[in-house]
Amino acid sequence: MSIRLAVFDLGGTIVDRYSLSPFISLKQAFQKKGLDIPNRLIYKDMGVDKHHHIDLILKDKYISREWMQKHGEYPDMNSTMSVFDEFIKYQMDDGIKNIEILPETKSCIKWLGDNNISTGVTTGFSRPIMNTIKEKLIDENIQIDKYVSSTCLGKPGRPNPHMMREIINHLSISDPRRVIKVDDTVVGLLEGKNAGTITVGVAKWSTNMKMTDYEEDKRLSKEEYVERLKNSREILWSAKPDFVIDSLNQLPSIIYHINNEV
């Protein structure tokens, strides 16, 4: 068996250290509505599409009660949309400016291309944000064969496999076991499992490192950083993926191992 396609998440996997752009944007969007959301509630569902993510936060009983106290009514669909609109505004302005390509991304994508392995992206980012990130990657000569946002299909997002199937079908791959899904979140790994693909968790830049700003990693002691990385791996293993790696530098050896299994 040989791998024909590698599908990546965006934030925390190939761009955006620790997936901080959506994390910070969500915090800011709720603060605009007068609510300070605990970090744990944001981390809990990172990886799902952002409209659904906001809806899940508003359904928390404590947040729902706080919304009632602030706005005189319990949150509904209009509340979700109003927060989502604030999220998009912040994300398209300050949020997108902070999104950097991760250090290992370019060499990994090049290696895949050199070895005739196609590439794809699935993401919970909206289409406009996805396209802006796509342009950043293209500017660095990083070519991905197919991009799909959960907002593109009109179908439920992760952990449902619709985005994965869109890419697999687009690239005419009949056997999902010749596909790997690489992701820094549990829900993204479950997306790959539900599509029948091989799954690889990536821990080093994951949202599961639970950083709250882009400088926090510099303030951690070596021991604290090692403990965060260990916890990130453990969270990813909870999804029962086939492999967990620290960074994309290790992906070629994983693919070599898969391709040479008897």
Protein backbone atom coordinates (compact mmCIF):
# COMPACT_ATOMS: atom_id res chain seq x y z
CA MET A 1 0.00 0.00 0.00
CA SER A 2 1.25 3.51 -0.75
CA ILE A 3 -0.09 6.85 0.45
CA ARG A 4 -1.53 8.98 -2.36
CA LEU A 5 -2.96 11.94 -0.44
CA ALA A 6 -2.19 13.90 2.73
CA VAL A 7 -4.93 16.20 4.03
CA PHE A 8 -4.04 18.85 6.59
CA ASP A 9 -5.90 21.12 8.96
CA LEU A 10 -4.80 24.77 8.80
CA GLY A 11 -4.51 26.44 12.23
CA GLY A 12 -2.07 24.66 14.57
CA THR A 13 -1.09 22.20 11.83
CA ILE A 14 0.46 24.05 8.86
CA VAL A 15 -0.14 27.70 9.86
CA ASP A 16 -0.81 29.77 13.00
CA ARG A 17 1.14 28.78 16.08
CA TYR A 18 -1.09 27.08 18.65
CA SER A 19 -4.15 28.06 16.56
CA LEU A 20 -4.12 31.34 18.45
CA SER A 21 -5.76 33.48 15.77
CA PRO A 22 -9.25 31.96 16.20
CA PHE A 23 -8.73 31.60 19.96
CA ILE A 24 -7.97 35.31 20.39
CA SER A 25 -10.67 36.31 17.88
CA LEU A 26 -13.30 34.34 19.80
CA LYS A 27 -12.23 35.95 23.09
CA GLN A 28 -12.46 39.40 21.48
CA ALA A 29 -15.84 38.71 19.85
CA PHE A 30 -17.44 37.71 23.15
CA GLN A 31 -15.81 40.62 24.97
CA LYS A 32 -17.51 42.94 22.46
CA LYS A 33 -20.77 41.47 23.77
CA GLY A 34 -19.73 41.99 27.39
CA LEU A 35 -18.71 38.41 28.21
CA ASP A 36 -15.31 37.10 29.27
CA ILE A 37 -15.29 33.46 28.19
CA PRO A 38 -13.11 31.03 30.21
CA ASN A 39 -10.25 29.66 28.12
CA ARG A 40 -11.30 26.07 28.77
CA LEU A 41 -14.63 26.62 27.00
CA ILE A 42 -12.87 27.88 23.89
CA TYR A 43 -10.22 25.14 23.87
CA LYS A 44 -12.86 22.43 24.34
CA ASP A 45 -14.31 22.63 20.82
CA MET A 46 -11.43 24.07 18.81
CA GLY A 47 -11.45 22.54 15.34
CA VAL A 48 -15.20 22.70 14.70
CA ASP A 49 -16.57 25.35 12.36
CA LYS A 50 -16.67 28.69 14.12
CA HIS A 51 -20.42 29.31 13.87
CA HIS A 52 -21.05 25.98 15.60
CA HIS A 53 -18.23 26.68 18.06
CA ILE A 54 -19.88 29.95 19.14
CA ASP A 55 -23.24 28.20 19.44
CA LEU A 56 -21.72 25.54 21.72
CA ILE A 57 -20.18 28.21 23.96
CA LEU A 58 -23.50 30.06 24.23
CA LYS A 59 -25.25 26.81 25.20
CA ASP A 60 -23.04 26.43 28.27
CA LYS A 61 -25.40 26.99 31.21
CA TYR A 62 -23.17 29.57 32.90
CA ILE A 63 -22.54 31.52 29.71
CA SER A 64 -26.23 31.35 28.81
CA ARG A 65 -27.11 32.79 32.22
CA GLU A 66 -24.47 35.53 31.90
CA TRP A 67 -25.81 36.43 28.44
CA MET A 68 -29.29 36.73 29.95
CA GLN A 69 -27.98 39.08 32.64
CA LYS A 70 -26.19 41.24 30.05
CA HIS A 71 -28.77 41.28 27.26
CA GLY A 72 -32.11 40.58 28.95
CA GLU A 73 -32.79 37.34 27.07
CA TYR A 74 -31.29 33.91 26.68
CA PRO A 75 -29.06 33.41 23.63
CA ASP A 76 -30.67 32.21 20.41
CA MET A 77 -29.70 31.90 16.74
CA ASN A 78 -29.53 35.69 16.41
CA SER A 79 -27.15 35.83 19.36
CA THR A 80 -24.89 33.25 17.74
CA MET A 81 -24.87 35.21 14.49
CA SER A 82 -24.12 38.51 16.23
CA VAL A 83 -21.07 37.01 17.96
CA PHE A 84 -20.04 35.28 14.72
CA ASP A 85 -20.16 38.62 12.89
CA GLU A 86 -17.85 40.15 15.51
CA PHE A 87 -15.55 37.13 15.23
CA ILE A 88 -15.27 37.49 11.44
CA LYS A 89 -14.56 41.24 11.73
CA TYR A 90 -11.73 40.68 14.18
CA GLN A 91 -10.39 37.64 12.33
CA MET A 92 -10.25 39.42 8.97
CA ASP A 93 -8.48 42.42 10.51
CA ASP A 94 -6.15 41.74 13.43
CA GLY A 95 -6.52 37.96 13.46
CA ILE A 96 -5.29 37.27 9.95
CA LYS A 97 -2.24 39.53 10.42
CA ASN A 98 -0.89 37.22 13.11
CA ILE A 99 -1.21 34.00 11.11
CA GLU A 100 2.25 32.75 10.15
CA ILE A 101 3.25 29.67 8.18
CA LEU A 102 4.69 27.11 10.59
CA PRO A 103 8.44 26.41 10.24
CA GLU A 104 8.10 22.78 9.10
CA THR A 105 5.33 23.33 6.56
CA LYS A 106 7.24 24.24 3.40
CA SER A 107 9.71 21.35 3.49
CA CYS A 108 6.95 18.86 4.34
CA ILE A 109 4.68 19.93 1.47
CA LYS A 110 7.66 19.91 -0.92
CA TRP A 111 8.61 16.39 0.16
CA LEU A 112 5.06 15.20 -0.46
CA GLY A 113 5.06 16.71 -3.95
CA ASP A 114 8.48 15.24 -4.74
CA ASN A 115 7.08 11.83 -3.78
CA ASN A 116 3.93 12.13 -5.92
CA ILE A 117 1.61 12.51 -2.92
CA SER A 118 -1.27 14.94 -3.43
CA THR A 119 -2.21 17.44 -0.72
CA GLY A 120 -5.44 18.89 0.61
CA VAL A 121 -6.73 21.15 3.37
CA THR A 122 -9.91 20.97 5.43
CA THR A 123 -10.66 23.79 7.84
CA GLY A 124 -13.21 25.29 10.18
CA PHE A 125 -12.19 28.75 8.98
CA SER A 126 -14.68 30.57 6.75
CA ARG A 127 -14.04 30.60 3.01
CA PRO A 128 -12.70 34.23 2.94
CA ILE A 129 -10.23 33.52 5.75
CA MET A 130 -9.23 30.21 4.15
CA ASN A 131 -8.59 31.98 0.84
CA THR A 132 -6.47 34.65 2.54
CA ILE A 133 -4.35 31.93 4.15
CA LYS A 134 -4.17 30.14 0.80
CA GLU A 135 -2.68 33.29 -0.76
CA LYS A 136 -0.10 33.49 2.04
CA LEU A 137 0.95 29.91 1.30
CA ILE A 138 1.09 30.51 -2.46
CA ASP A 139 3.26 33.60 -1.86
CA GLU A 140 5.76 31.26 -0.18
CA ASN A 141 5.51 28.80 -3.09
CA ILE A 142 3.57 26.27 -0.99
CA GLN A 143 1.08 24.62 -3.34
CA ILE A 144 -1.87 22.65 -1.94
CA ASP A 145 -3.98 20.73 -4.47
CA LYS A 146 -7.42 21.21 -2.90
CA TYR A 147 -8.89 23.41 -0.15
CA VAL A 148 -12.28 22.89 1.52
CA SER A 149 -13.86 25.03 4.25
CA SER A 150 -16.75 23.74 6.32
CA THR A 151 -18.68 26.79 5.07
CA CYS A 152 -18.30 25.67 1.43
CA LEU A 153 -20.45 22.55 1.39
CA GLY A 154 -23.71 23.35 3.19
CA LYS A 155 -23.23 20.16 5.23
CA PRO A 156 -22.32 19.51 8.87
CA GLY A 157 -18.65 20.13 9.67
CA ARG A 158 -16.26 18.08 11.79
CA PRO A 159 -16.28 15.40 13.02
CA ASN A 160 -18.44 14.53 10.02
CA PRO A 161 -16.30 13.42 7.06
CA HIS A 162 -17.90 15.54 4.30
CA MET A 163 -14.88 17.80 3.73
CA MET A 164 -12.56 14.80 3.58
CA ARG A 165 -14.79 13.02 1.10
CA GLU A 166 -14.96 16.14 -1.06
CA ILE A 167 -11.18 16.14 -1.41
CA ILE A 168 -10.87 12.36 -1.82
CA ASN A 169 -13.50 12.34 -4.56
CA HIS A 170 -12.03 15.42 -6.25
CA LEU A 171 -8.66 13.67 -6.51
CA SER A 172 -10.27 10.37 -7.64
CA ILE A 173 -8.91 8.23 -4.82
CA SER A 174 -10.97 5.08 -4.30
CA ASP A 175 -9.29 3.66 -1.17
CA PRO A 176 -9.40 5.95 1.90
CA ARG A 177 -6.61 3.91 3.51
CA ARG A 178 -4.29 5.50 0.96
CA VAL A 179 -5.09 8.86 2.55
CA ILE A 180 -3.73 10.37 5.76
CA LYS A 181 -5.39 13.13 7.76
CA VAL A 182 -2.98 15.31 9.75
CA ASP A 183 -4.53 17.46 12.48
CA ASP A 184 -3.78 19.13 15.80
CA THR A 185 -7.30 18.63 17.25
CA VAL A 186 -9.33 15.67 18.43
CA VAL A 187 -12.34 16.64 16.30
CA GLY A 188 -10.10 16.92 13.22
CA LEU A 189 -8.67 13.46 13.83
CA LEU A 190 -12.20 12.10 14.24
CA GLU A 191 -13.04 13.68 10.87
CA GLY A 192 -10.28 11.56 9.35
CA LYS A 193 -11.34 8.42 11.18
CA ASN A 194 -14.95 8.89 10.07
CA ALA A 195 -13.72 9.15 6.48
CA GLY A 196 -11.87 5.85 6.89
CA THR A 197 -8.39 7.37 6.50
CA ILE A 198 -5.16 6.90 8.41
CA THR A 199 -4.90 9.62 11.08
CA VAL A 200 -1.84 11.48 12.37
CA GLY A 201 -2.01 13.88 15.30
CA VAL A 202 0.57 16.67 15.42
CA ALA A 203 1.30 18.10 18.86
CA LYS A 204 3.97 20.82 18.85
CA TRP A 205 1.92 23.76 17.51
CA SER A 206 -1.45 22.36 18.57
CA THR A 207 -4.23 24.30 20.25
CA ASN A 208 -3.82 21.62 22.95
CA MET A 209 -0.62 23.38 24.05
CA LYS A 210 -3.11 25.86 25.57
CA MET A 211 -1.16 29.02 24.86
CA THR A 212 -3.06 32.28 25.33
CA ASP A 213 -0.80 34.63 23.35
CA TYR A 214 2.00 34.40 20.81
CA GLU A 215 4.74 35.10 23.37
CA GLU A 216 3.66 32.67 26.10
CA ASP A 217 5.92 29.85 24.88
CA LYS A 218 8.93 32.13 25.44
CA ARG A 219 7.87 32.69 29.06
CA LEU A 220 7.62 28.99 29.91
CA SER A 221 10.44 27.13 31.60
CA LYS A 222 11.81 24.09 29.76
CA GLU A 223 9.99 21.85 32.24
CA GLU A 224 6.69 23.67 31.73
CA TYR A 225 7.03 23.45 27.94
CA VAL A 226 7.81 19.72 28.07
CA GLU A 227 4.76 19.15 30.28
CA ARG A 228 2.51 21.10 27.86
CA LEU A 229 3.82 19.04 24.94
CA LYS A 230 3.21 15.81 26.84
CA ASN A 231 -0.37 16.88 27.60
CA SER A 232 -0.90 17.85 23.96
CA ARG A 233 0.16 14.38 22.83
CA GLU A 234 -2.11 12.72 25.40
CA ILE A 235 -5.13 14.75 24.27
CA LEU A 236 -4.47 13.75 20.64
CA TRP A 237 -4.07 10.08 21.60
CA SER A 238 -7.54 10.24 23.19
CA ALA A 239 -8.96 10.31 19.64
CA LYS A 240 -7.22 6.96 19.00
CA PRO A 241 -5.31 8.08 15.90
CA ASP A 242 -2.89 5.77 14.12
CA PHE A 243 0.08 8.00 14.96
CA VAL A 244 0.97 11.10 16.98
CA ILE A 245 4.03 13.17 16.04
CA ASP A 246 5.47 16.36 17.47
CA SER A 247 5.97 18.17 14.15
CA LEU A 248 5.60 17.78 10.39
CA ASN A 249 9.32 17.03 10.14
CA GLN A 250 8.40 13.52 11.29
CA LEU A 251 5.66 12.96 8.70
CA PRO A 252 7.92 11.58 5.92
CA SER A 253 9.15 8.79 8.21
CA ILE A 254 5.55 7.93 9.13
CA ILE A 255 4.61 7.71 5.44
CA TYR A 256 7.72 5.63 4.71
CA HIS A 257 6.68 3.25 7.51
CA ILE A 258 3.12 2.97 6.15
CA ASN A 259 4.29 2.44 2.58
CA ASN A 260 6.65 -0.34 3.61
CA GLU A 261 4.30 -2.27 5.88
CA VAL A 262 3.91 -5.88 4.78
